[in-house]
Amino acid sequence: MEDKILLAHGSGGKLSQDLIQSFLPDLANPILDKLDDSAVFDISGRLAFTTDSYTVNPVFFPGGDIGKLAVCGTVNDLAMSGARPLYLSLAFIIEEGLPVANLKKILTSIKHAAEEAGVKIVTGDTKVVNQGSADKIFVNTAGVGTVPEGVDISATNARPGDKIILNGNIGDHGIAVLSQREGLKFHTPVPSDCAPLNGLVADMLAASANIHCLRDPTRGGLATTLNDFAGQSKVGIRLEEDKIPVDKAVLAACEFLGFDPLYIANEGKLAAAVAPRDAAAILAAMKRSKYGVGAVIIGEVVAEHPGQVVMNTILGASRIVDMPVGELLPRIC
């Protein structure tokens, strides 16, 4: 192998084959190892299917990189429908000149993230583009999973009385990427919260199937997710500002930079609307999970002000938490 990616690596010839073969030790499984044009596998029941593309600057950031981000993001999108993620596809668009060592590091992250999530990479693709035609590397994924019987989770299912649960601090990912990109140094480093949440969701469903909405608040942050719930379910949501957890370092960074943590991206958080009678059991199950230790009820669904999210502030007033306008932090995921 060359030490940098060349256009010839995308030609379909020997260098292409060498590049693909270099992936296999990290991603090997019986389905992928056949290297056929499509993956063939047995699956039955209700299916969930998702696709996504990942572009982040910088490619490596505290707590993760674009490879971990791609696997966790796809796994989490499946999990937010209550699905058990099973199989992922993985496609790279690589800029000529990317160091092969960087690609290897990304593949290692993909391997570890897939192993933690319990999913297999079963098919993929690689393209190489001219230098300057991409920003180092883009990753496209698709994922398939199975949805258990009795599970009906959708942003359209929120009902008045539902409790809104969050599994931990918001804003970590966005601030981690921004600090790395802009060279900002904080007294307390902020790592990304990038993590696979399918195990946490499985624990929640084991406690109760009465989970009405689930969403991972990535781009647009928690504010966008809750506005989606309110708008699609035609209900109102009332939040309590003092209940929303934000790491002190993230809060300080947001105050310094003029950002609102409610609008900052996350990659290891979920927001749920759950039936009030089962909220305590679901919350307890979350707290026993690795990625749910910081879970807390932050508000509830109400019949008033449908389509709006209103927050009771720590000053005793109320304010509307609207959808964001524009892009606060470009190239986050």
Protein backbone atom coordinates (compact mmCIF):
# COMPACT_ATOMS: atom_id res chain seq x y z
CA MET A 1 0.00 0.00 0.00
CA GLU A 2 1.04 3.57 -0.68
CA ASP A 3 1.21 5.92 2.30
CA LYS A 4 -1.44 8.19 0.76
CA ILE A 5 -4.63 7.55 -1.16
CA LEU A 6 -4.13 7.93 -4.93
CA LEU A 7 -6.70 8.37 -7.68
CA ALA A 8 -5.64 4.91 -8.85
CA HIS A 9 -7.08 3.48 -5.63
CA GLY A 10 -10.50 4.26 -7.12
CA SER A 11 -9.80 2.88 -10.60
CA GLY A 12 -11.18 -0.61 -10.00
CA GLY A 13 -7.79 -2.21 -10.64
CA LYS A 14 -5.12 -3.73 -8.45
CA LEU A 15 -4.73 -0.72 -6.15
CA SER A 16 -8.51 -0.71 -5.62
CA GLN A 17 -8.39 -4.37 -4.68
CA ASP A 18 -5.45 -3.77 -2.36
CA LEU A 19 -7.38 -0.98 -0.64
CA ILE A 20 -10.50 -3.11 -0.20
CA GLN A 21 -8.46 -6.04 1.09
CA SER A 22 -6.89 -3.72 3.66
CA PHE A 23 -10.37 -3.06 5.07
CA LEU A 24 -11.22 -6.71 5.66
CA PRO A 25 -9.19 -7.46 8.81
CA ASP A 26 -11.13 -4.75 10.67
CA LEU A 27 -14.58 -5.44 9.23
CA ALA A 28 -14.47 -9.19 8.52
CA ASN A 29 -17.62 -11.27 8.84
CA PRO A 30 -19.04 -14.15 6.75
CA ILE A 31 -21.40 -11.91 4.76
CA LEU A 32 -18.88 -9.19 3.91
CA ASP A 33 -16.05 -11.63 3.26
CA LYS A 34 -17.75 -12.85 0.07
CA LEU A 35 -17.22 -9.38 -1.47
CA ASP A 36 -20.31 -9.77 -3.66
CA ASP A 37 -22.07 -6.77 -5.16
CA SER A 38 -24.83 -7.04 -2.57
CA ALA A 39 -25.17 -8.61 0.85
CA VAL A 40 -27.52 -11.57 1.25
CA PHE A 41 -28.89 -12.38 4.69
CA ASP A 42 -31.95 -13.88 6.38
CA ILE A 43 -34.24 -11.54 8.27
CA SER A 44 -37.88 -11.62 9.31
CA GLY A 45 -40.44 -9.50 11.12
CA ARG A 46 -40.97 -5.74 11.06
CA LEU A 47 -37.96 -3.92 9.63
CA ALA A 48 -36.47 -0.50 10.21
CA PHE A 49 -34.25 0.98 7.49
CA THR A 50 -32.24 4.19 7.57
CA THR A 51 -29.53 5.96 5.60
CA ASP A 52 -27.22 8.85 6.39
CA SER A 53 -24.12 10.71 5.23
CA TYR A 54 -21.34 12.01 7.44
CA THR A 55 -19.06 14.96 6.92
CA VAL A 56 -17.27 16.49 9.88
CA ASN A 57 -14.45 18.99 10.18
CA PRO A 58 -12.10 18.03 11.71
CA VAL A 59 -12.27 14.32 10.88
CA PHE A 60 -10.74 13.51 14.29
CA PHE A 61 -12.05 15.21 17.43
CA PRO A 62 -11.94 14.61 21.20
CA GLY A 63 -13.94 11.48 21.93
CA GLY A 64 -14.21 10.16 18.37
CA ASP A 65 -13.80 10.55 14.66
CA ILE A 66 -15.88 10.32 11.49
CA GLY A 67 -15.79 6.51 11.59
CA LYS A 68 -17.21 6.19 15.09
CA LEU A 69 -19.67 8.95 14.26
CA ALA A 70 -20.96 7.11 11.18
CA VAL A 71 -21.57 3.82 12.96
CA CYS A 72 -23.08 5.34 16.11
CA GLY A 73 -25.25 7.76 14.14
CA THR A 74 -26.72 5.01 11.97
CA VAL A 75 -27.21 2.63 14.90
CA ASN A 76 -28.92 5.39 16.86
CA ASP A 77 -31.28 6.28 14.02
CA LEU A 78 -32.45 2.65 13.96
CA ALA A 79 -32.71 2.51 17.74
CA MET A 80 -34.91 5.63 17.81
CA SER A 81 -37.65 3.58 16.13
CA GLY A 82 -37.22 0.88 18.77
CA ALA A 83 -35.35 -1.36 16.35
CA ARG A 84 -32.56 -3.77 17.12
CA PRO A 85 -29.81 -2.76 14.64
CA LEU A 86 -28.34 -5.71 12.73
CA TYR A 87 -26.59 -4.80 9.49
CA LEU A 88 -24.91 -1.68 8.11
CA SER A 89 -23.53 -0.64 4.76
CA LEU A 90 -20.51 1.62 4.58
CA ALA A 91 -19.37 3.75 1.64
CA PHE A 92 -16.36 6.06 1.54
CA ILE A 93 -15.73 9.05 -0.70
CA ILE A 94 -12.02 9.70 -0.18
CA GLU A 95 -10.07 12.72 -1.32
CA GLU A 96 -6.83 11.99 -3.13
CA GLY A 97 -3.93 12.51 -0.75
CA LEU A 98 -5.59 11.30 2.45
CA PRO A 99 -2.91 9.54 4.52
CA VAL A 100 -3.51 5.80 4.60
CA ALA A 101 -2.69 5.87 8.32
CA ASN A 102 -5.67 8.17 8.88
CA LEU A 103 -7.94 5.82 6.94
CA LYS A 104 -6.69 2.91 9.02
CA LYS A 105 -7.41 4.84 12.22
CA ILE A 106 -10.96 5.53 11.00
CA LEU A 107 -11.47 1.85 10.18
CA THR A 108 -10.31 0.86 13.64
CA SER A 109 -12.89 3.23 15.16
CA ILE A 110 -15.57 1.73 12.91
CA LYS A 111 -14.61 -1.76 14.06
CA HIS A 112 -14.79 -0.87 17.75
CA ALA A 113 -18.07 1.05 17.41
CA ALA A 114 -19.69 -1.79 15.45
CA GLU A 115 -18.53 -4.35 18.00
CA GLU A 116 -19.94 -2.31 20.88
CA ALA A 117 -23.26 -1.87 19.09
CA GLY A 118 -23.41 -5.53 18.06
CA VAL A 119 -23.85 -4.80 14.34
CA LYS A 120 -22.10 -6.12 11.24
CA ILE A 121 -20.83 -4.12 8.26
CA VAL A 122 -22.02 -6.35 5.40
CA THR A 123 -21.53 -4.31 2.22
CA GLY A 124 -19.88 -1.12 1.09
CA ASP A 125 -18.17 0.94 -1.57
CA THR A 126 -15.15 3.17 -2.04
CA LYS A 127 -14.68 6.10 -4.39
CA VAL A 128 -11.63 8.35 -4.73
CA VAL A 129 -12.02 11.92 -5.99
CA ASN A 130 -9.52 14.55 -7.08
CA GLN A 131 -7.73 16.58 -4.45
CA GLY A 132 -9.90 19.58 -3.62
CA SER A 133 -13.14 17.84 -4.63
CA ALA A 134 -13.95 16.70 -1.09
CA ASP A 135 -12.82 17.49 2.43
CA LYS A 136 -10.58 14.51 3.24
CA ILE A 137 -13.30 11.87 3.56
CA PHE A 138 -17.09 11.54 3.46
CA VAL A 139 -18.93 8.47 4.76
CA ASN A 140 -22.33 7.21 3.67
CA THR A 141 -24.16 4.49 5.57
CA ALA A 142 -27.39 2.56 5.56
CA GLY A 143 -28.72 0.34 8.32
CA VAL A 144 -31.31 -2.39 8.78
CA GLY A 145 -32.84 -3.63 12.02
CA THR A 146 -35.86 -5.46 13.37
CA VAL A 147 -38.64 -3.85 15.41
CA PRO A 148 -40.17 -5.97 18.20
CA GLU A 149 -43.89 -6.63 18.22
CA GLY A 150 -45.87 -4.12 20.26
CA VAL A 151 -43.37 -1.30 19.75
CA ASP A 152 -44.79 1.81 18.07
CA ILE A 153 -42.41 4.75 18.37
CA SER A 154 -42.83 7.87 16.26
CA ALA A 155 -42.56 11.64 16.56
CA THR A 156 -46.31 11.68 15.84
CA ASN A 157 -47.20 9.72 19.00
CA ALA A 158 -46.70 12.25 21.83
CA ARG A 159 -49.75 12.65 24.07
CA PRO A 160 -50.66 15.19 26.75
CA GLY A 161 -49.32 13.99 30.08
CA ASP A 162 -46.28 12.23 28.61
CA LYS A 163 -43.04 12.87 30.44
CA ILE A 164 -40.01 14.10 28.49
CA ILE A 165 -36.86 12.23 29.47
CA LEU A 166 -33.28 13.08 28.49
CA ASN A 167 -30.41 10.65 29.11
CA GLY A 168 -27.72 13.16 30.07
CA ASN A 169 -25.78 16.36 29.39
CA ILE A 170 -26.47 18.21 26.15
CA GLY A 171 -24.08 20.03 23.83
CA ASP A 172 -20.92 17.95 24.37
CA HIS A 173 -20.43 16.88 20.74
CA GLY A 174 -20.87 20.29 19.18
CA ILE A 175 -18.49 21.99 21.59
CA ALA A 176 -15.92 19.17 21.25
CA VAL A 177 -15.85 19.54 17.45
CA LEU A 178 -15.83 23.34 17.58
CA SER A 179 -12.99 23.47 20.10
CA GLN A 180 -10.87 21.12 18.00
CA ARG A 181 -11.60 22.93 14.74
CA GLU A 182 -10.96 26.43 16.08
CA GLY A 183 -8.09 25.52 18.41
CA LEU A 184 -9.99 26.62 21.51
CA LYS A 185 -8.52 25.54 24.83
CA PHE A 186 -10.82 25.10 27.81
CA HIS A 187 -9.69 24.56 31.39
CA THR A 188 -11.70 21.32 31.37
CA PRO A 189 -11.52 19.47 28.01
CA VAL A 190 -14.89 18.59 26.47
CA PRO A 191 -15.00 15.20 24.70
CA SER A 192 -17.77 14.26 22.28
CA ASP A 193 -20.60 12.15 23.68
CA CYS A 194 -20.60 10.00 20.51
CA ALA A 195 -21.95 6.56 21.51
CA PRO A 196 -24.27 3.77 20.33
CA LEU A 197 -27.60 3.98 22.17
CA ASN A 198 -29.28 0.75 21.04
CA GLY A 199 -28.47 -1.00 24.32
CA LEU A 200 -29.98 1.85 26.31
CA VAL A 201 -33.14 1.77 24.19
CA ALA A 202 -33.41 -1.99 24.66
CA ASP A 203 -33.24 -1.48 28.44
CA MET A 204 -35.96 1.17 28.23
CA LEU A 205 -38.24 -1.09 26.20
CA ALA A 206 -37.64 -3.94 28.63
CA ALA A 207 -39.00 -1.66 31.37
CA SER A 208 -42.04 -0.61 29.31
CA ALA A 209 -43.21 -0.56 25.70
CA ASN A 210 -45.11 2.67 26.43
CA ILE A 211 -42.44 4.83 24.81
CA HIS A 212 -44.26 7.10 22.40
CA CYS A 213 -41.43 9.18 20.88
CA LEU A 214 -37.67 8.78 20.65
CA ARG A 215 -35.16 10.95 18.85
CA ASP A 216 -31.42 11.57 19.09
CA PRO A 217 -30.93 15.35 19.09
CA THR A 218 -28.07 15.73 16.63
CA ARG A 219 -27.98 18.75 14.29
CA GLY A 220 -30.21 21.47 15.70
CA GLY A 221 -29.89 20.04 19.20
CA LEU A 222 -32.57 19.31 21.77
CA ALA A 223 -34.66 22.32 20.72
CA THR A 224 -35.16 20.96 17.20
CA THR A 225 -36.03 17.47 18.43
CA LEU A 226 -38.69 18.70 20.84
CA ASN A 227 -40.15 21.04 18.24
CA ASP A 228 -40.42 18.03 15.94
CA PHE A 229 -42.35 16.15 18.63
CA ALA A 230 -44.65 19.11 19.25
CA GLY A 231 -45.26 19.87 15.59
CA GLN A 232 -45.74 16.33 14.33
CA SER A 233 -47.93 15.28 17.28
CA LYS A 234 -49.84 18.61 17.39
CA VAL A 235 -49.23 19.01 21.12
CA GLY A 236 -47.38 21.46 23.32
CA ILE A 237 -44.26 20.73 25.36
CA ARG A 238 -43.32 22.47 28.58
CA LEU A 239 -39.72 22.27 29.82
CA GLU A 240 -38.08 23.14 33.12
CA GLU A 241 -34.75 24.89 32.47
CA ASP A 242 -33.29 23.92 35.83
CA LYS A 243 -33.84 20.22 35.01
CA ILE A 244 -31.89 20.23 31.73
CA PRO A 245 -28.35 18.93 32.39
CA VAL A 246 -25.43 20.81 30.83
CA ASP A 247 -21.79 20.19 31.70
CA LYS A 248 -20.19 23.23 33.36
CA ALA A 249 -17.46 23.40 30.73
CA VAL A 250 -20.02 23.26 27.90
CA LEU A 251 -22.15 25.91 29.58
CA ALA A 252 -19.11 28.18 30.04
CA ALA A 253 -18.10 27.67 26.40
CA CYS A 254 -21.60 28.50 25.20
CA GLU A 255 -21.75 31.63 27.34
CA PHE A 256 -18.33 32.74 26.07
CA LEU A 257 -19.22 32.07 22.40
CA GLY A 258 -22.83 33.25 22.54
CA PHE A 259 -24.46 29.86 21.91
CA ASP A 260 -27.51 28.27 23.51
CA PRO A 261 -26.86 24.64 24.60
CA LEU A 262 -30.40 23.73 23.51
CA TYR A 263 -29.32 24.17 19.89
CA ILE A 264 -25.91 22.45 20.05
CA ALA A 265 -25.47 19.03 18.42
CA ASN A 266 -25.26 15.78 20.37
CA GLU A 267 -24.24 12.29 19.23
CA GLY A 268 -24.91 10.17 22.30
CA LYS A 269 -28.13 11.58 23.66
CA LEU A 270 -31.80 10.75 23.25
CA ALA A 271 -35.03 12.51 24.14
CA ALA A 272 -38.09 10.39 24.87
CA ALA A 273 -41.78 11.04 25.42
CA VAL A 274 -43.13 8.27 27.62
CA ALA A 275 -46.44 7.42 29.24
CA PRO A 276 -46.60 9.06 32.69
CA ARG A 277 -47.49 5.87 34.52
CA ASP A 278 -44.33 4.17 33.24
CA ALA A 279 -41.92 7.12 33.44
CA ALA A 280 -40.42 6.09 36.79
CA ALA A 281 -39.73 2.52 35.64
CA ILE A 282 -38.18 3.70 32.36
CA LEU A 283 -36.07 6.30 34.15
CA ALA A 284 -34.80 3.70 36.62
CA ALA A 285 -33.87 1.33 33.78
CA MET A 286 -31.99 4.12 32.02
CA LYS A 287 -29.98 4.98 35.11
CA ARG A 288 -28.75 1.37 35.31
CA SER A 289 -27.38 1.62 31.77
CA LYS A 290 -23.90 2.91 30.84
CA TYR A 291 -25.28 5.69 28.65
CA GLY A 292 -28.26 6.57 30.82
CA VAL A 293 -26.70 7.26 34.22
CA GLY A 294 -27.52 10.95 33.93
CA ALA A 295 -31.12 10.45 32.78
CA VAL A 296 -33.67 12.96 34.07
CA ILE A 297 -37.22 14.10 33.43
CA ILE A 298 -37.00 17.60 31.94
CA GLY A 299 -40.63 18.40 31.14
CA GLU A 300 -43.94 17.09 29.91
CA VAL A 301 -46.30 17.10 26.97
CA VAL A 302 -49.32 19.41 27.36
CA ALA A 303 -52.49 20.13 25.42
CA GLU A 304 -51.87 23.89 25.50
CA HIS A 305 -49.95 25.81 22.80
CA PRO A 306 -49.89 22.93 20.26
CA GLY A 307 -46.82 22.90 18.05
CA GLN A 308 -44.78 24.98 20.49
CA VAL A 309 -42.11 24.25 23.07
CA VAL A 310 -42.23 26.57 26.08
CA MET A 311 -39.62 26.60 28.83
CA ASN A 312 -39.97 27.77 32.42
CA THR A 313 -36.67 29.58 32.98
CA ILE A 314 -34.54 29.68 36.11
CA LEU A 315 -35.56 33.36 36.44
CA GLY A 316 -39.22 32.43 36.87
CA ALA A 317 -40.35 33.55 33.43
CA SER A 318 -41.37 31.54 30.37
CA ARG A 319 -39.92 31.64 26.87
CA ILE A 320 -40.65 29.94 23.59
CA VAL A 321 -37.95 27.52 22.46
CA ASP A 322 -38.26 27.84 18.70
CA MET A 323 -36.62 25.97 15.85
CA PRO A 324 -33.10 27.25 15.03
CA VAL A 325 -32.60 29.49 12.03
CA GLY A 326 -29.34 29.12 10.10
CA GLU A 327 -26.33 26.98 10.94
CA LEU A 328 -24.58 27.55 14.25
CA LEU A 329 -21.76 25.05 13.82
CA PRO A 330 -21.11 23.84 10.26
CA ARG A 331 -19.67 20.38 9.54
CA ILE A 332 -20.70 18.76 12.83
CA CYS A 333 -21.96 15.41 11.53
